[in-house]
Structure formats: C-alpha cells, structure tokens
Amino acid sequence: MNNIKPYILILSAISAIAISGCGRSESPDDKVIVKVSDSSITVRDFKSRIAKLPPYYRKIAEKNKDRYLEEMIMEKLFYEDAVRKGLDRDKEVIEIVNQAKKKVVIAKLVEIEVEKKLKVSDEELKQYYEAHKGEFKTPELWRASHILVSGEKEARDILDALSKGAKFEDLAKEKSMDATASRGGDIGFFRVGQLVPDFEKACLKLNIGQTSDVVQTQFGYHIIKLTDKREAGAESFEMARGKIESELKKKKRSEMFDKLVMDLKNKYGVEIKEDVFNAMESTNREGRGGGAK
C-alpha cells in the first residue's frame, strides 16, 4: 500500500496542473491561423517570425502578410514532406546541420566572451580625440535649393518671375519636377564631389542668397539658389564621437578575440605535428608539379 502513495501524489499534481490550465483563458496569440498536417501556425508564430526579420524586410512582410503567410505554409509543407521521406536522416544533411550548429555555437561563444564584454569609456574616447585632433576636420559645405523643369523657356519664365519678386520656395513647390519640390527645392548641405558637375560648378560661384542663371544638366534645366555655406574647420568631439567609438571598438574587438584564442589554446592545449603538416604540404606540391608535367 505504501508503494502506491507516490503514484497518487504524482497523479494529484498532474490533475492540479490540468485543472489550473483549464481555468486559464486562451490568449489571442495562441489562436491557430493555419493547420498543416499535424502541425499548425499560430498568431504568435507568425508575429515572432516577422519580429525576427531585419527592419527593412520586416516592413515588407508587414505590408504583404498574406504572401509571408504563404511562404510559412510552403516551408512547413516542404519540411513535412522531407521528414516523411527521411531526408532529415540523410548523411549529407546531418553533416551540413552539424557544421551549421558548430558555427552558431561558436558565434554565440564569441558574442558572450567578446561582444558583450566590449566597452569603450568616455575617458578613452576623449583621450583618443585629443591625441588625434588633426584627423577630425569638417569639409567646406554648401547648401542650395533649386527648381528643376524640362524646358529652357519655362526656366527663363521662372527667372523672370523671381526678378519681379516671386518667392523661390513658392515657385519650387509649384513648378519644380524634382523630389525636393515639397520642401521648397532644398537639397540640404553637400560637399565638393557629391553633386552633378555642372550643377555643383554653378553653386560654387554663388554667394549666399544669390540665384543662378539657367543651368542645364542631364536631368533638365535648373535655377539654383545658394542658401548657406559652412567653412572647413575642426570637427567637435561630439561630431567625431561615433567614428572614434567605432575605431576603438574595432581595435579592442581584435585584441579581445586574439586573447580569447590564446586563452583557449592554453586551456585545452594545442600541439601541431610539424613533420606531418610539412609532409602534407610536400605531397601537395609534388601532386601539383606532377600534374603540370
């Protein structure tokens, strides 16, 4: 009789879990969207898959949910059929899966031992900035607005309207066929070499507030207004901070990785059989030489 008691206790515990489970209401995310053979795709499965995508592809998937769901269904169908045909036990598949697993596990180790421990302090950033100030310079910058039209006559008419007091921004919004029209023709700041040569050349001749004559490029006919200019100068610490942090992290990452390799070599021991390795290299060279004869 005493031997039965443990089983009664276990059955009682299972019953308690089952009862508590029955009392819990189903979450909307637990609802099944699609059943495929003996498996299913729930709302949670679908949301989780989309959430794991890179931002750009996540937006595409969210806009094309029906297509993405179809891809998930196809994946389940192919996997189901492959498993039923025993392909998951195929020697080549097992080898590829094991190699992939090895790479994932190694990447996780590097993430834990290097990436998560990789830190650069504010003091280090500032010290680097002070020691390399000469490397952080801002180039000379220009800012311009333009009105782009397809014909020279229309461009001349716009110039005439500007000379009579029309506002450049208003005419850009009304007449320009460029994407910048909605913001009054503003193209933002640029440096030498970033724009079409003829357009850029015309900009560099202008003073702030001055408007160009009609400028022709492969895109059409432009009227350009120089709106701002910034002289070249030293880049502030805050402006350079991102570049410095990236550089220091790159250096530290390399050092930490090299240290991890050395620590693991010391921990587990590495012995290279030079004679075997050299003999292998000699065999390879002889094989290549023999093939060339």
Protein backbone atom coordinates (compact mmCIF):
# COMPACT_ATOMS: atom_id res chain seq x y z
CA MET A 1 0.00 0.00 0.00
CA ASN A 2 2.87 2.35 0.79
CA ASN A 3 4.24 1.87 -2.75
CA ILE A 4 1.03 3.28 -4.23
CA LYS A 5 1.26 6.63 -2.38
CA PRO A 6 3.97 8.25 -4.58
CA TYR A 7 1.89 7.50 -7.69
CA ILE A 8 -1.20 9.02 -6.07
CA LEU A 9 0.79 12.17 -5.29
CA ILE A 10 2.05 12.39 -8.88
CA LEU A 11 -1.45 11.89 -10.31
CA SER A 12 -2.80 14.54 -7.92
CA ALA A 13 -0.15 17.02 -9.10
CA ILE A 14 -0.95 16.32 -12.76
CA SER A 15 -4.66 16.80 -12.07
CA ALA A 16 -3.98 20.10 -10.34
CA ILE A 17 -1.97 21.34 -13.33
CA ALA A 18 -4.70 20.22 -15.75
CA ILE A 19 -7.41 21.95 -13.71
CA SER A 20 -5.42 25.20 -13.46
CA GLY A 21 -4.76 25.02 -17.21
CA CYS A 22 -8.46 24.62 -17.96
CA GLY A 23 -9.25 27.70 -15.95
CA ARG A 24 -6.84 29.88 -17.97
CA SER A 25 -8.36 31.76 -20.91
CA GLU A 26 -6.70 31.34 -24.31
CA SER A 27 -4.54 34.24 -25.42
CA PRO A 28 -5.38 35.78 -28.83
CA ASP A 29 -1.81 34.95 -29.86
CA ASP A 30 -2.48 31.23 -29.24
CA LYS A 31 -5.15 31.11 -31.92
CA VAL A 32 -4.33 28.93 -34.92
CA ILE A 33 -4.14 30.68 -38.28
CA VAL A 34 -3.32 27.62 -40.38
CA LYS A 35 -3.21 23.86 -39.80
CA VAL A 36 -0.69 21.92 -41.87
CA SER A 37 -0.97 18.15 -41.37
CA ASP A 38 -0.29 17.55 -37.65
CA SER A 39 1.27 20.96 -37.04
CA SER A 40 -0.07 24.50 -37.03
CA ILE A 41 0.87 28.17 -37.36
CA THR A 42 -0.45 30.36 -34.55
CA VAL A 43 -0.73 34.13 -34.36
CA ARG A 44 2.29 34.05 -32.02
CA ASP A 45 4.33 32.01 -34.52
CA PHE A 46 3.51 34.48 -37.28
CA LYS A 47 4.30 37.58 -35.20
CA SER A 48 7.51 36.05 -33.85
CA ARG A 49 8.81 35.23 -37.34
CA ILE A 50 8.17 38.78 -38.58
CA ALA A 51 9.71 40.33 -35.44
CA LYS A 52 12.98 38.45 -36.06
CA LEU A 53 13.39 39.90 -39.56
CA PRO A 54 15.78 42.84 -40.21
CA PRO A 55 13.87 46.20 -40.13
CA TYR A 56 13.75 46.64 -43.92
CA TYR A 57 12.37 43.14 -44.60
CA ARG A 58 10.04 43.38 -41.59
CA LYS A 59 8.28 46.35 -43.19
CA ILE A 60 7.89 44.43 -46.46
CA ALA A 61 6.49 41.39 -44.63
CA GLU A 62 4.02 43.53 -42.64
CA LYS A 63 2.73 45.08 -45.87
CA ASN A 64 2.44 41.67 -47.56
CA LYS A 65 1.22 39.48 -44.70
CA ASP A 66 -0.75 37.10 -46.93
CA ARG A 67 2.34 36.43 -49.07
CA TYR A 68 4.55 35.93 -46.00
CA LEU A 69 1.99 33.51 -44.52
CA GLU A 70 2.02 31.57 -47.80
CA GLU A 71 5.83 31.30 -47.51
CA MET A 72 5.49 29.92 -43.97
CA ILE A 73 2.94 27.37 -45.21
CA MET A 74 5.25 26.33 -48.06
CA GLU A 75 8.11 25.92 -45.58
CA LYS A 76 6.00 23.63 -43.39
CA LEU A 77 4.82 21.60 -46.39
CA PHE A 78 8.34 21.10 -47.73
CA TYR A 79 9.70 20.22 -44.28
CA GLU A 80 6.85 17.79 -43.60
CA ASP A 81 7.42 16.00 -46.92
CA ALA A 82 11.22 15.97 -46.48
CA VAL A 83 10.96 14.43 -42.98
CA ARG A 84 8.47 11.79 -44.16
CA LYS A 85 10.94 10.84 -46.86
CA GLY A 86 13.67 10.52 -44.24
CA LEU A 87 15.80 13.35 -45.58
CA ASP A 88 16.41 14.63 -42.04
CA ARG A 89 18.39 11.40 -41.53
CA ASP A 90 20.36 11.76 -44.76
CA LYS A 91 24.12 11.60 -44.09
CA GLU A 92 24.90 14.76 -46.11
CA VAL A 93 22.07 16.70 -44.42
CA ILE A 94 23.23 15.65 -40.95
CA GLU A 95 26.78 16.76 -41.77
CA ILE A 96 25.60 20.17 -43.03
CA VAL A 97 23.35 20.63 -39.96
CA ASN A 98 26.23 19.75 -37.64
CA GLN A 99 28.54 22.23 -39.39
CA ALA A 100 25.87 24.94 -39.17
CA LYS A 101 25.29 24.15 -35.48
CA LYS A 102 29.04 24.39 -34.84
CA LYS A 103 29.20 27.84 -36.45
CA VAL A 104 26.16 29.09 -34.49
CA VAL A 105 27.58 27.82 -31.20
CA ILE A 106 30.98 29.40 -31.94
CA ALA A 107 29.29 32.70 -32.83
CA LYS A 108 27.42 32.57 -29.51
CA LEU A 109 30.66 32.00 -27.61
CA VAL A 110 32.32 34.97 -29.34
CA GLU A 111 29.25 37.08 -28.61
CA ILE A 112 29.44 36.22 -24.89
CA GLU A 113 33.22 36.45 -24.49
CA VAL A 114 33.91 39.40 -26.81
CA GLU A 115 30.90 41.41 -27.97
CA LYS A 116 29.09 41.58 -24.62
CA LYS A 117 32.31 42.47 -22.80
CA LEU A 118 33.36 45.06 -25.37
CA LYS A 119 33.16 48.51 -23.79
CA VAL A 120 34.76 51.86 -24.51
CA SER A 121 34.64 54.50 -21.78
CA ASP A 122 34.05 58.23 -22.29
CA GLU A 123 37.55 58.84 -20.98
CA GLU A 124 39.06 56.60 -23.67
CA LEU A 125 37.03 58.37 -26.36
CA LYS A 126 38.16 61.80 -25.19
CA GLN A 127 41.81 60.75 -24.91
CA TYR A 128 41.75 59.42 -28.46
CA TYR A 129 40.12 62.62 -29.72
CA GLU A 130 42.74 64.83 -28.05
CA ALA A 131 45.59 62.70 -29.42
CA HIS A 132 44.20 62.67 -32.99
CA LYS A 133 42.52 66.08 -33.27
CA GLY A 134 44.18 66.77 -36.61
CA GLU A 135 42.34 63.83 -38.16
CA PHE A 136 38.89 65.20 -37.38
CA LYS A 137 38.05 68.01 -39.77
CA THR A 138 34.79 69.11 -41.33
CA PRO A 139 34.94 69.86 -45.08
CA GLU A 140 33.66 73.07 -46.62
CA LEU A 141 29.90 72.69 -47.09
CA TRP A 142 27.31 74.42 -49.26
CA ARG A 143 23.54 74.36 -49.05
CA ALA A 144 21.32 75.10 -52.01
CA SER A 145 17.77 74.98 -53.30
CA HIS A 146 16.76 74.51 -56.92
CA ILE A 147 13.85 74.49 -59.29
CA LEU A 148 14.01 71.81 -61.99
CA VAL A 149 11.93 71.98 -65.18
CA SER A 150 12.07 70.16 -68.52
CA GLY A 151 12.33 73.14 -70.87
CA GLU A 152 14.61 76.18 -71.11
CA LYS A 153 11.73 78.57 -71.88
CA GLU A 154 9.91 77.56 -68.71
CA ALA A 155 13.13 78.06 -66.76
CA ARG A 156 13.52 81.56 -68.24
CA ASP A 157 9.94 82.39 -67.30
CA ILE A 158 10.64 81.34 -63.72
CA LEU A 159 13.76 83.52 -63.63
CA ASP A 160 11.64 86.42 -64.83
CA ALA A 161 9.07 85.77 -62.09
CA LEU A 162 11.83 85.72 -59.49
CA SER A 163 13.17 89.05 -60.73
CA LYS A 164 9.69 90.52 -60.21
CA GLY A 165 9.57 89.45 -56.55
CA ALA A 166 8.15 85.92 -56.60
CA LYS A 167 9.38 83.70 -53.74
CA PHE A 168 11.84 80.99 -54.74
CA GLU A 169 10.33 78.43 -52.34
CA ASP A 170 6.80 79.01 -53.64
CA LEU A 171 7.85 78.61 -57.26
CA ALA A 172 9.82 75.46 -56.39
CA LYS A 173 6.73 73.89 -54.81
CA GLU A 174 4.58 74.90 -57.76
CA LYS A 175 6.87 74.35 -60.75
CA SER A 176 9.75 72.01 -59.88
CA MET A 177 9.53 68.40 -61.06
CA ASP A 178 12.22 67.31 -58.62
CA ALA A 179 11.51 65.34 -55.41
CA THR A 180 12.74 68.38 -53.43
CA ALA A 181 9.76 70.46 -54.59
CA SER A 182 7.74 69.67 -51.44
CA ARG A 183 10.42 71.32 -49.28
CA GLY A 184 10.84 74.41 -51.44
CA GLY A 185 13.63 72.92 -53.54
CA ASP A 186 16.05 72.45 -50.62
CA ILE A 187 18.70 69.79 -51.34
CA GLY A 188 20.46 70.21 -47.99
CA PHE A 189 24.20 70.55 -47.36
CA PHE A 190 26.73 69.00 -49.74
CA ARG A 191 30.49 68.95 -50.25
CA VAL A 192 32.56 69.06 -53.41
CA GLY A 193 32.16 65.92 -55.48
CA GLN A 194 28.69 64.94 -54.29
CA LEU A 195 26.57 66.57 -57.00
CA VAL A 196 26.38 66.58 -60.79
CA PRO A 197 29.46 68.58 -62.00
CA ASP A 198 27.60 71.33 -63.92
CA PHE A 199 25.13 71.83 -61.06
CA GLU A 200 27.92 71.90 -58.47
CA LYS A 201 30.07 74.29 -60.52
CA ALA A 202 27.20 76.77 -60.71
CA CYS A 203 26.61 76.52 -56.93
CA LEU A 204 30.22 77.25 -56.05
CA LYS A 205 30.13 80.53 -57.99
CA LEU A 206 27.19 81.92 -55.98
CA ASN A 207 27.12 84.00 -52.83
CA ILE A 208 24.61 83.20 -50.09
CA GLY A 209 21.14 84.35 -51.19
CA GLN A 210 22.19 84.70 -54.85
CA THR A 211 20.31 82.91 -57.66
CA SER A 212 21.97 81.38 -60.71
CA ASP A 213 21.15 81.74 -64.38
CA VAL A 214 19.57 78.70 -66.06
CA VAL A 215 21.82 75.64 -65.62
CA GLN A 216 21.39 72.63 -67.88
CA THR A 217 22.22 69.08 -66.77
CA GLN A 218 21.13 65.64 -67.93
CA PHE A 219 18.11 65.99 -65.64
CA GLY A 220 16.75 69.16 -67.23
CA TYR A 221 17.01 72.91 -66.59
CA HIS A 222 17.78 74.20 -63.10
CA ILE A 223 17.58 77.53 -61.33
CA ILE A 224 19.77 77.36 -58.26
CA LYS A 225 19.83 79.45 -55.09
CA LEU A 226 22.69 79.20 -52.60
CA THR A 227 21.13 79.35 -49.13
CA ASP A 228 24.04 78.65 -46.76
CA LYS A 229 27.76 77.92 -46.59
CA ARG A 230 30.00 76.47 -43.88
CA GLU A 231 33.75 76.89 -43.85
CA ALA A 232 36.04 73.93 -43.26
CA GLY A 233 37.08 73.53 -39.65
CA ALA A 234 37.81 71.22 -36.75
CA GLU A 235 35.23 68.55 -36.01
CA SER A 236 33.91 68.74 -32.44
CA PHE A 237 34.23 65.79 -30.07
CA GLU A 238 30.50 65.12 -30.25
CA MET A 239 30.60 65.07 -34.05
CA ALA A 240 33.61 62.74 -34.07
CA ARG A 241 32.40 60.53 -31.21
CA GLY A 242 30.73 57.88 -33.39
CA LYS A 243 33.78 57.42 -35.62
CA ILE A 244 36.13 57.27 -32.61
CA GLU A 245 33.96 54.71 -30.83
CA SER A 246 33.80 52.57 -33.95
CA GLU A 247 37.58 52.70 -34.38
CA LEU A 248 38.34 51.89 -30.73
CA LYS A 249 35.83 49.05 -30.66
CA LYS A 250 37.33 47.59 -33.81
CA LYS A 251 40.78 47.63 -32.21
CA LYS A 252 39.56 46.24 -28.87
CA ARG A 253 37.49 43.56 -30.61
CA SER A 254 40.58 42.32 -32.42
CA GLU A 255 42.66 42.33 -29.22
CA MET A 256 39.95 40.54 -27.22
CA PHE A 257 39.48 37.93 -29.93
CA ASP A 258 43.22 37.25 -30.09
CA LYS A 259 43.33 36.93 -26.28
CA LEU A 260 40.38 34.53 -26.33
CA VAL A 261 42.19 32.34 -28.86
CA MET A 262 45.37 32.30 -26.74
CA ASP A 263 43.41 31.56 -23.54
CA LEU A 264 41.64 28.64 -25.20
CA LYS A 265 44.93 27.30 -26.58
CA ASN A 266 46.41 27.37 -23.08
CA LYS A 267 43.26 25.89 -21.55
CA TYR A 268 42.87 22.95 -23.92
CA GLY A 269 46.39 22.57 -25.29
CA VAL A 270 47.33 22.74 -28.96
CA GLU A 271 50.08 20.63 -30.42
CA ILE A 272 50.86 20.97 -34.13
CA LYS A 273 52.69 17.99 -35.62
CA GLU A 274 55.06 19.97 -37.83
CA ASP A 275 56.51 16.87 -39.53
CA VAL A 276 53.06 15.63 -40.57
CA PHE A 277 51.98 19.10 -41.69
CA ASN A 278 55.16 19.69 -43.71
CA ALA A 279 54.92 16.23 -45.25
CA MET A 280 51.35 17.00 -46.30
CA GLU A 281 52.47 20.27 -47.89
CA SER A 282 55.27 18.47 -49.76
CA THR A 283 52.82 15.87 -51.07
CA ASN A 284 50.51 18.62 -52.28
CA ARG A 285 53.36 20.39 -54.10
CA GLU A 286 54.52 17.16 -55.74
CA GLY A 287 50.98 16.41 -56.81
CA ARG A 288 50.61 19.83 -58.41
CA GLY A 289 54.03 19.54 -60.08
CA GLY A 290 53.27 16.06 -61.37
CA GLY A 291 50.06 17.28 -62.94
CA ALA A 292 51.93 20.03 -64.77
CA LYS A 293 54.35 17.62 -66.47
